[in-house]
Amino acid sequence: MTERERGATRVLLLTGKGGVGKTTTAAGTAVLAGERGLRTLVLSTDAAHSLGDAFGVEPARSGGHVAVADHVWIQQVDAQRRFEESWASIHEYLRTVLDVAGADPITAEEITVLPGAEEVLALLALRDEVASGAWDLVVVDCAPTAETLRLLALPEALGWYLHRLTTSGSRVVKTVTPALARAAGVPMPEPAVAEAVQRLHADLREVRTLLTAPETSVRLVLTPESVVVAEARRALTTLSLYGYTVDGVVANRVFPDSGEDPWRRRWAEAQRQTLAEVDESFAPLPVWRTEYAEREPVGADALVRLAHATYDGLDPLAVRDAPPVMEVVRRGDDVELRLALPFASGGEVGLARHGADLVVTVGSYRRVLALPTMLARYTVSGARIDAGHLAVRFAPPVIEPVR
């Protein structure tokens, strides 16, 4: 991309196990983009913000933008402030209900902090920045892997529940709630509360669309250690489950040639073996490598030098063609739904059918897939793990003969 090529904003999310250098990688990638004239924002969704430390600057306390290099700004999301601005009506209503129920004020305050609120608000901050049209690139310094996976699962999971709350359940709520409210003495929610829920549902739909857009991708950051690599493999499986595109892997803290030092030589050899496994298991994804730096890179100049060495002349922002995460294939009269699940084994994958939804579970993560209209009428006739995919077989409905 050249300076301000008009079009959709490129979004790049970087995540990995805590301590692998994802903040440094995100910051260096951003400065590299800034060198090319791209207006770039680095946004942190990690509660333990360290972007300011990486650049050696003090971030804005209000969650605003701070310039850190030519064409590069950083932002650390102020989740508490955004919560107070966005969901005050929902929060206040829940507190009122608990007050009527006799809960003490401190308990009510703790209970009414919505689960996942900070994560949702971080995603909404990303949505707002992309929608502003001010940026060519937004680099997201995500929380460690487990928190990131929960973060990225929220738009679809919460959207599924909110959709049912605001559609099929709304008729029941309108007729039953007033009677229950009178009987129990619980106040009816104001129209602003229902509007806030509907607005949240619409917001999450927009976030989901943004995260699955062709211009958005996730990049895994790791160090060449077996435990870290194993977590990165699981992350790839889970990200694929939710339909997100992973565009590459950055291997940090790679020992250079060991020379005569036997201790370093053993470490370097162990890393070479691990990196060979990374290259093989994550293929065809590119694997970029960063040598162990002599000192911690702090400041834009040090970060961009590290990024140049990492990407070695390759374009770190290129949007690569990726195979479809989910596709439907005809198999004679049957239909097969194929969902990419790299590294998943049959023993950790669960499958259930609930009406027009297919529930897929991998380990502790679950995704509810709304089936295409045609498949909603079909019955599941079998499932298997096949070449890194979950293949679910559907048989057409049996048509009873007219008597």
Protein backbone atom coordinates (compact mmCIF):
# COMPACT_ATOMS: atom_id res chain seq x y z
CA MET A 1 0.00 0.00 0.00
CA THR A 2 1.14 3.53 -0.76
CA GLU A 3 0.19 6.63 1.18
CA ARG A 4 -3.53 6.51 1.87
CA GLU A 5 -4.67 4.02 -0.72
CA ARG A 6 -8.42 4.50 -0.46
CA GLY A 7 -10.38 1.51 0.59
CA ALA A 8 -11.18 -0.57 3.63
CA THR A 9 -8.98 -0.14 6.70
CA ARG A 10 -6.52 -3.00 7.20
CA VAL A 11 -6.91 -4.53 10.68
CA LEU A 12 -4.18 -6.72 12.16
CA LEU A 13 -4.58 -8.38 15.57
CA LEU A 14 -1.53 -9.82 17.31
CA THR A 15 -1.83 -12.29 20.15
CA GLY A 16 0.18 -14.95 21.92
CA LYS A 17 1.02 -16.35 25.31
CA GLY A 18 1.96 -13.75 27.90
CA GLY A 19 5.58 -12.66 27.73
CA VAL A 20 6.35 -13.73 24.14
CA GLY A 21 6.82 -10.17 22.85
CA LYS A 22 3.49 -9.48 21.14
CA THR A 23 3.45 -5.81 22.24
CA THR A 24 6.94 -5.27 20.83
CA THR A 25 5.94 -7.03 17.60
CA ALA A 26 2.73 -5.01 17.28
CA ALA A 27 4.56 -1.75 17.92
CA GLY A 28 7.37 -2.54 15.47
CA THR A 29 4.92 -3.59 12.75
CA ALA A 30 3.06 -0.30 13.21
CA VAL A 31 6.18 1.86 12.93
CA LEU A 32 7.17 -0.07 9.81
CA ALA A 33 3.79 0.83 8.29
CA GLY A 34 4.25 4.44 9.38
CA GLU A 35 7.54 4.59 7.48
CA ARG A 36 5.55 3.82 4.34
CA GLY A 37 3.24 6.75 4.95
CA LEU A 38 0.30 4.75 6.28
CA ARG A 39 -1.74 6.46 8.99
CA THR A 40 -1.50 3.79 11.66
CA LEU A 41 -3.12 3.31 15.06
CA VAL A 42 -1.88 0.77 17.61
CA LEU A 43 -4.75 -0.07 19.94
CA SER A 44 -4.25 -2.10 23.12
CA THR A 45 -7.01 -4.36 24.46
CA ASP A 46 -4.73 -5.83 27.13
CA ALA A 47 -5.73 -4.82 30.66
CA ALA A 48 -2.00 -4.78 31.52
CA HIS A 49 -1.31 -2.01 28.99
CA SER A 50 2.38 -1.79 28.02
CA LEU A 51 2.24 0.10 24.71
CA GLY A 52 3.41 3.29 26.35
CA ASP A 53 6.36 1.43 27.87
CA ALA A 54 7.33 -0.01 24.47
CA PHE A 55 7.45 3.45 22.92
CA GLY A 56 8.83 5.15 26.03
CA VAL A 57 5.90 7.58 26.27
CA GLU A 58 3.07 8.29 28.70
CA PRO A 59 -0.29 7.17 27.20
CA ALA A 60 -3.32 9.45 27.40
CA ARG A 61 -5.27 8.82 30.60
CA SER A 62 -8.57 9.49 28.86
CA GLY A 63 -7.99 6.75 26.31
CA GLY A 64 -7.14 9.27 23.59
CA HIS A 65 -4.52 9.07 20.84
CA VAL A 66 -0.83 9.79 21.43
CA ALA A 67 1.60 10.32 18.52
CA VAL A 68 4.67 8.09 18.89
CA ALA A 69 6.30 8.25 15.41
CA ASP A 70 5.64 9.65 11.94
CA HIS A 71 2.10 8.60 10.97
CA VAL A 72 1.78 6.38 14.10
CA TRP A 73 -0.45 6.86 17.16
CA ILE A 74 -1.24 4.63 20.12
CA GLN A 75 -4.43 4.24 22.15
CA GLN A 76 -5.07 2.28 25.33
CA VAL A 77 -8.80 1.63 25.72
CA ASP A 78 -10.31 3.14 28.87
CA ALA A 79 -12.90 0.41 29.42
CA GLN A 80 -14.31 1.90 32.63
CA ARG A 81 -15.03 5.28 31.04
CA ARG A 82 -16.59 3.70 27.95
CA PHE A 83 -18.72 1.43 30.17
CA GLU A 84 -20.10 4.42 32.06
CA GLU A 85 -20.87 6.21 28.79
CA SER A 86 -22.39 3.27 26.91
CA TRP A 87 -24.32 1.08 29.35
CA ALA A 88 -25.27 3.33 32.23
CA SER A 89 -29.00 2.64 31.65
CA ILE A 90 -28.61 -1.17 31.83
CA HIS A 91 -26.33 -0.92 34.85
CA GLU A 92 -28.67 1.39 36.75
CA TYR A 93 -31.72 -0.78 36.04
CA LEU A 94 -29.98 -3.93 37.33
CA ARG A 95 -28.94 -2.08 40.48
CA THR A 96 -32.54 -0.95 41.03
CA VAL A 97 -33.82 -4.54 40.71
CA LEU A 98 -31.25 -5.78 43.24
CA ASP A 99 -32.07 -2.94 45.58
CA VAL A 100 -35.75 -3.98 45.56
CA ALA A 101 -34.61 -7.56 46.19
CA GLY A 102 -32.77 -6.39 49.33
CA ALA A 103 -29.15 -6.66 48.18
CA ASP A 104 -26.73 -4.29 49.91
CA PRO A 105 -25.30 -1.52 47.67
CA ILE A 106 -21.75 -2.90 47.49
CA THR A 107 -22.95 -6.37 46.47
CA ALA A 108 -25.33 -4.87 43.91
CA GLU A 109 -22.51 -2.82 42.40
CA GLU A 110 -20.29 -5.91 42.02
CA ILE A 111 -23.01 -8.16 40.59
CA THR A 112 -24.16 -5.64 37.98
CA VAL A 113 -20.77 -5.38 36.28
CA LEU A 114 -21.68 -7.26 33.11
CA PRO A 115 -19.48 -10.30 32.39
CA GLY A 116 -17.15 -9.61 29.48
CA ALA A 117 -18.00 -5.89 29.49
CA GLU A 118 -14.38 -4.74 29.21
CA GLU A 119 -13.72 -7.12 26.32
CA VAL A 120 -16.85 -6.00 24.48
CA LEU A 121 -15.95 -2.35 24.93
CA ALA A 122 -12.45 -2.96 23.58
CA LEU A 123 -13.99 -4.45 20.45
CA LEU A 124 -16.40 -1.54 20.15
CA ALA A 125 -13.46 0.85 20.42
CA LEU A 126 -11.82 -1.00 17.52
CA ARG A 127 -15.07 -0.77 15.54
CA ASP A 128 -15.30 2.97 16.18
CA GLU A 129 -11.73 3.63 15.07
CA VAL A 130 -12.16 1.67 11.85
CA ALA A 131 -15.51 3.33 11.15
CA SER A 132 -13.95 6.78 11.58
CA GLY A 133 -12.05 6.36 8.30
CA ALA A 134 -9.02 8.06 9.86
CA TRP A 135 -6.67 5.09 9.54
CA ASP A 136 -5.09 3.02 6.81
CA LEU A 137 -4.10 0.40 9.37
CA VAL A 138 -5.18 -0.48 12.90
CA VAL A 139 -2.81 -2.83 14.74
CA VAL A 140 -4.38 -4.42 17.81
CA ASP A 141 -2.10 -5.45 20.67
CA CYS A 142 -4.34 -8.12 22.15
CA ALA A 143 -4.38 -9.64 25.60
CA PRO A 144 -2.66 -13.03 26.12
CA THR A 145 -4.12 -15.89 24.11
CA ALA A 146 -6.84 -17.19 26.44
CA GLU A 147 -8.27 -13.70 27.00
CA THR A 148 -8.07 -12.94 23.27
CA LEU A 149 -10.00 -16.08 22.38
CA ARG A 150 -12.76 -15.12 24.81
CA LEU A 151 -12.69 -11.61 23.37
CA LEU A 152 -13.08 -12.79 19.78
CA ALA A 153 -15.79 -15.31 20.70
CA LEU A 154 -18.00 -12.62 22.25
CA PRO A 155 -19.55 -10.96 19.17
CA GLU A 156 -21.12 -14.17 17.90
CA ALA A 157 -21.90 -15.73 21.29
CA LEU A 158 -23.51 -12.64 22.81
CA GLY A 159 -25.14 -11.78 19.51
CA TRP A 160 -26.84 -15.19 19.46
CA TYR A 161 -28.39 -14.65 22.90
CA LEU A 162 -29.28 -11.01 22.30
CA HIS A 163 -30.97 -11.88 19.02
CA ARG A 164 -33.28 -14.27 20.83
CA LEU A 165 -33.84 -11.79 23.63
CA THR A 166 -34.86 -9.04 21.20
CA THR A 167 -36.92 -11.18 18.78
CA SER A 168 -38.63 -14.42 19.78
CA GLY A 169 -38.56 -13.61 23.47
CA SER A 170 -39.73 -10.04 23.17
CA ARG A 171 -43.41 -10.95 22.79
CA VAL A 172 -43.29 -13.04 25.95
CA VAL A 173 -41.47 -10.31 27.86
CA LYS A 174 -44.04 -7.69 26.87
CA THR A 175 -46.95 -9.75 28.19
CA VAL A 176 -45.43 -11.51 31.20
CA THR A 177 -43.07 -8.90 32.64
CA PRO A 178 -45.73 -6.34 33.73
CA ALA A 179 -47.60 -9.02 35.69
CA LEU A 180 -44.40 -10.27 37.33
CA ALA A 181 -43.33 -6.74 38.08
CA ARG A 182 -46.60 -5.96 39.89
CA ALA A 183 -46.50 -9.25 41.83
CA ALA A 184 -42.88 -8.97 42.91
CA GLY A 185 -42.61 -5.21 43.19
CA VAL A 186 -39.79 -5.16 40.66
CA PRO A 187 -39.66 -1.99 38.53
CA MET A 188 -40.32 -2.29 34.81
CA PRO A 189 -37.30 -1.45 32.66
CA GLU A 190 -37.44 1.95 30.99
CA PRO A 191 -37.50 2.05 27.17
CA ALA A 192 -33.86 3.19 27.31
CA VAL A 193 -32.85 -0.21 28.72
CA ALA A 194 -34.44 -2.13 25.84
CA GLU A 195 -32.93 0.33 23.39
CA ALA A 196 -29.49 -0.20 24.94
CA VAL A 197 -29.81 -3.99 24.55
CA GLN A 198 -30.89 -3.63 20.92
CA ARG A 199 -28.04 -1.20 20.28
CA LEU A 200 -25.57 -3.66 21.79
CA HIS A 201 -26.89 -6.41 19.52
CA ALA A 202 -26.43 -4.20 16.46
CA ASP A 203 -22.95 -3.16 17.63
CA LEU A 204 -21.87 -6.78 18.00
CA ARG A 205 -23.13 -7.61 14.52
CA GLU A 206 -20.92 -4.83 13.17
CA VAL A 207 -17.92 -6.06 15.18
CA ARG A 208 -18.39 -9.61 13.87
CA THR A 209 -18.55 -8.29 10.29
CA LEU A 210 -15.35 -6.29 10.86
CA LEU A 211 -13.43 -9.20 12.38
CA THR A 212 -14.31 -11.59 9.55
CA ALA A 213 -13.72 -9.07 6.74
CA PRO A 214 -11.07 -9.91 4.08
CA GLU A 215 -8.92 -7.00 5.33
CA THR A 216 -8.76 -8.36 8.89
CA SER A 217 -6.39 -11.06 10.10
CA VAL A 218 -4.85 -12.43 13.28
CA ARG A 219 -1.11 -13.02 13.69
CA LEU A 220 0.22 -15.43 16.30
CA VAL A 221 3.35 -14.49 18.26
CA LEU A 222 5.38 -17.18 20.00
CA THR A 223 8.82 -18.09 21.28
CA PRO A 224 10.46 -21.38 20.25
CA GLU A 225 9.46 -23.31 23.38
CA SER A 226 7.33 -26.44 23.29
CA VAL A 227 4.72 -25.17 25.79
CA VAL A 228 4.32 -21.87 23.93
CA VAL A 229 4.08 -23.57 20.53
CA ALA A 230 1.44 -25.98 21.85
CA GLU A 231 -0.68 -23.02 23.00
CA ALA A 232 -0.26 -21.34 19.61
CA ARG A 233 -1.51 -24.51 17.89
CA ARG A 234 -4.59 -24.54 20.11
CA ALA A 235 -5.15 -20.86 19.37
CA LEU A 236 -5.10 -21.55 15.63
CA THR A 237 -7.71 -24.28 16.09
CA THR A 238 -9.99 -22.03 18.14
CA LEU A 239 -9.59 -19.01 15.87
CA SER A 240 -10.54 -21.22 12.93
CA LEU A 241 -13.56 -22.47 14.88
CA TYR A 242 -14.86 -18.90 15.10
CA GLY A 243 -14.10 -18.15 11.45
CA TYR A 244 -11.12 -15.81 11.87
CA THR A 245 -8.22 -15.70 9.42
CA VAL A 246 -4.71 -16.30 10.77
CA ASP A 247 -2.15 -14.87 8.34
CA GLY A 248 1.17 -15.86 9.88
CA VAL A 249 3.36 -16.61 12.87
CA VAL A 250 6.14 -14.50 14.42
CA ALA A 251 8.78 -16.47 16.32
CA ASN A 252 10.55 -14.16 18.77
CA ARG A 253 13.78 -14.46 20.80
CA VAL A 254 15.55 -16.86 18.47
CA PHE A 255 19.15 -17.45 19.50
CA PRO A 256 21.68 -16.51 16.78
CA ASP A 257 24.57 -18.81 15.89
CA SER A 258 25.85 -20.08 19.20
CA GLY A 259 29.59 -19.80 18.61
CA GLU A 260 31.76 -21.53 21.19
CA ASP A 261 29.50 -21.14 24.22
CA PRO A 262 28.20 -24.68 25.00
CA TRP A 263 25.21 -23.38 26.99
CA ARG A 264 24.03 -21.18 24.13
CA ARG A 265 24.81 -23.92 21.62
CA ARG A 266 22.45 -26.34 23.38
CA TRP A 267 19.71 -23.71 23.53
CA ALA A 268 20.20 -22.83 19.86
CA GLU A 269 19.98 -26.47 18.84
CA ALA A 270 16.80 -27.01 20.87
CA GLN A 271 15.29 -23.92 19.27
CA ARG A 272 16.21 -25.12 15.77
CA GLN A 273 14.33 -28.35 16.37
CA THR A 274 11.29 -26.50 17.73
CA LEU A 275 11.32 -24.01 14.84
CA ALA A 276 11.44 -26.86 12.33
CA GLU A 277 8.26 -28.22 13.96
CA VAL A 278 6.69 -24.74 13.78
CA ASP A 279 7.50 -24.43 10.07
CA GLU A 280 6.05 -27.86 9.38
CA SER A 281 2.94 -27.70 11.54
CA PHE A 282 1.85 -24.14 10.63
CA ALA A 283 2.51 -24.50 6.90
CA PRO A 284 1.50 -22.91 4.57
CA LEU A 285 1.45 -19.88 6.89
CA PRO A 286 4.61 -17.76 6.78
CA VAL A 287 6.80 -17.94 9.88
CA TRP A 288 8.85 -14.79 10.54
CA ARG A 289 11.77 -14.97 12.97
CA THR A 290 13.22 -12.36 15.30
CA GLU A 291 16.68 -12.89 16.80
CA TYR A 292 17.21 -12.36 20.51
CA ALA A 293 18.08 -8.66 20.84
CA GLU A 294 21.12 -7.53 22.81
CA ARG A 295 18.89 -5.17 24.78
CA GLU A 296 15.18 -4.55 25.11
CA PRO A 297 13.94 -2.47 22.16
CA VAL A 298 12.30 0.71 23.50
CA GLY A 299 11.30 3.63 21.33
CA ALA A 300 10.24 3.91 17.69
CA ASP A 301 13.76 3.69 16.24
CA ALA A 302 14.63 0.47 18.07
CA LEU A 303 11.23 -1.05 17.31
CA VAL A 304 11.38 -0.39 13.57
CA ARG A 305 14.91 -1.84 13.35
CA LEU A 306 13.60 -5.00 14.99
CA ALA A 307 10.62 -5.12 12.61
CA HIS A 308 12.84 -4.73 9.52
CA ALA A 309 14.96 -7.66 10.73
CA THR A 310 11.85 -9.74 11.46
CA TYR A 311 10.04 -9.31 8.15
CA ASP A 312 13.28 -9.19 6.11
CA GLY A 313 11.88 -7.20 3.20
CA LEU A 314 8.54 -9.02 3.02
CA ASP A 315 5.30 -7.06 3.24
CA PRO A 316 3.91 -7.62 6.75
CA LEU A 317 0.57 -6.09 5.76
CA ALA A 318 -0.16 -8.08 2.62
CA VAL A 319 -3.62 -9.62 2.58
CA ARG A 320 -3.07 -13.24 1.63
CA ASP A 321 -5.61 -15.51 0.00
CA ALA A 322 -6.78 -17.98 2.61
CA PRO A 323 -8.82 -21.13 2.08
CA PRO A 324 -12.44 -20.80 3.24
CA VAL A 325 -12.90 -21.49 6.93
CA MET A 326 -16.29 -23.05 6.27
CA GLU A 327 -17.79 -24.43 3.07
CA VAL A 328 -20.69 -26.62 1.96
CA VAL A 329 -19.95 -29.45 -0.50
CA ARG A 330 -22.38 -31.71 -2.37
CA ARG A 331 -21.82 -35.47 -1.88
CA GLY A 332 -24.43 -37.06 -4.14
CA ASP A 333 -27.80 -36.61 -2.45
CA ASP A 334 -26.08 -35.71 0.83
CA VAL A 335 -24.45 -32.41 1.73
CA GLU A 336 -21.22 -32.01 3.72
CA LEU A 337 -20.43 -28.97 5.82
CA ARG A 338 -16.66 -28.58 6.27
CA LEU A 339 -15.29 -26.38 9.07
CA ALA A 340 -11.52 -25.78 9.26
CA LEU A 341 -10.17 -27.02 12.62
CA PRO A 342 -6.37 -27.42 12.27
CA PHE A 343 -4.73 -29.57 14.96
CA ALA A 344 -8.09 -30.67 16.42
CA SER A 345 -8.53 -34.34 17.29
CA GLY A 346 -11.78 -36.28 17.34
CA GLY A 347 -11.67 -36.76 21.11
CA GLU A 348 -11.87 -33.01 21.87
CA VAL A 349 -14.56 -32.09 19.33
CA GLY A 350 -18.21 -32.20 20.32
CA LEU A 351 -21.23 -31.78 18.07
CA ALA A 352 -24.89 -31.17 18.85
CA ARG A 353 -27.94 -30.12 16.87
CA HIS A 354 -30.52 -27.69 18.27
CA GLY A 355 -33.20 -26.89 15.72
CA ALA A 356 -31.64 -24.78 12.97
CA ASP A 357 -28.37 -24.39 14.90
CA LEU A 358 -25.30 -26.62 14.97
CA VAL A 359 -23.28 -26.43 18.20
CA VAL A 360 -19.57 -27.24 17.77
CA THR A 361 -17.37 -27.59 20.85
CA VAL A 362 -13.56 -27.80 20.80
CA GLY A 363 -12.12 -28.23 24.28
CA SER A 364 -13.69 -25.47 26.40
CA TYR A 365 -14.74 -23.33 23.42
CA ARG A 366 -18.14 -23.51 21.80
CA ARG A 367 -19.59 -21.99 18.66
CA VAL A 368 -23.26 -21.93 17.67
CA LEU A 369 -23.54 -22.05 13.87
CA ALA A 370 -26.77 -20.95 12.26
CA LEU A 371 -27.23 -23.48 9.47
CA PRO A 372 -28.02 -22.38 5.91
CA THR A 373 -31.75 -22.54 5.19
CA MET A 374 -31.37 -25.68 3.08
CA LEU A 375 -29.41 -27.58 5.75
CA ALA A 376 -31.85 -26.58 8.49
CA ARG A 377 -34.29 -29.08 6.93
CA TYR A 378 -31.66 -31.84 6.66
CA THR A 379 -30.66 -34.32 9.36
CA VAL A 380 -27.09 -34.95 10.58
CA SER A 381 -26.05 -38.41 9.36
CA GLY A 382 -22.42 -38.45 10.47
CA ALA A 383 -19.29 -36.45 11.35
CA ARG A 384 -15.54 -36.98 11.26
CA ILE A 385 -12.20 -35.15 11.46
CA ASP A 386 -10.72 -35.09 7.96
CA ALA A 387 -7.44 -33.37 6.99
CA GLY A 388 -7.74 -30.58 9.53
CA HIS A 389 -11.49 -30.13 9.01
CA LEU A 390 -14.62 -31.13 10.85
CA ALA A 391 -16.78 -32.73 8.16
CA VAL A 392 -20.47 -32.95 9.09
CA ARG A 393 -22.66 -35.01 6.78
CA PHE A 394 -26.30 -34.04 6.23
CA ALA A 395 -28.95 -36.27 4.66
CA PRO A 396 -32.00 -34.80 2.90
CA PRO A 397 -35.34 -34.98 4.67
CA VAL A 398 -37.41 -38.10 4.08
CA ILE A 399 -40.54 -37.26 2.12
CA GLU A 400 -43.46 -39.42 3.15
CA PRO A 401 -45.48 -40.76 0.19
CA VAL A 402 -48.94 -39.34 -0.27
CA ARG A 403 -51.53 -41.90 0.78
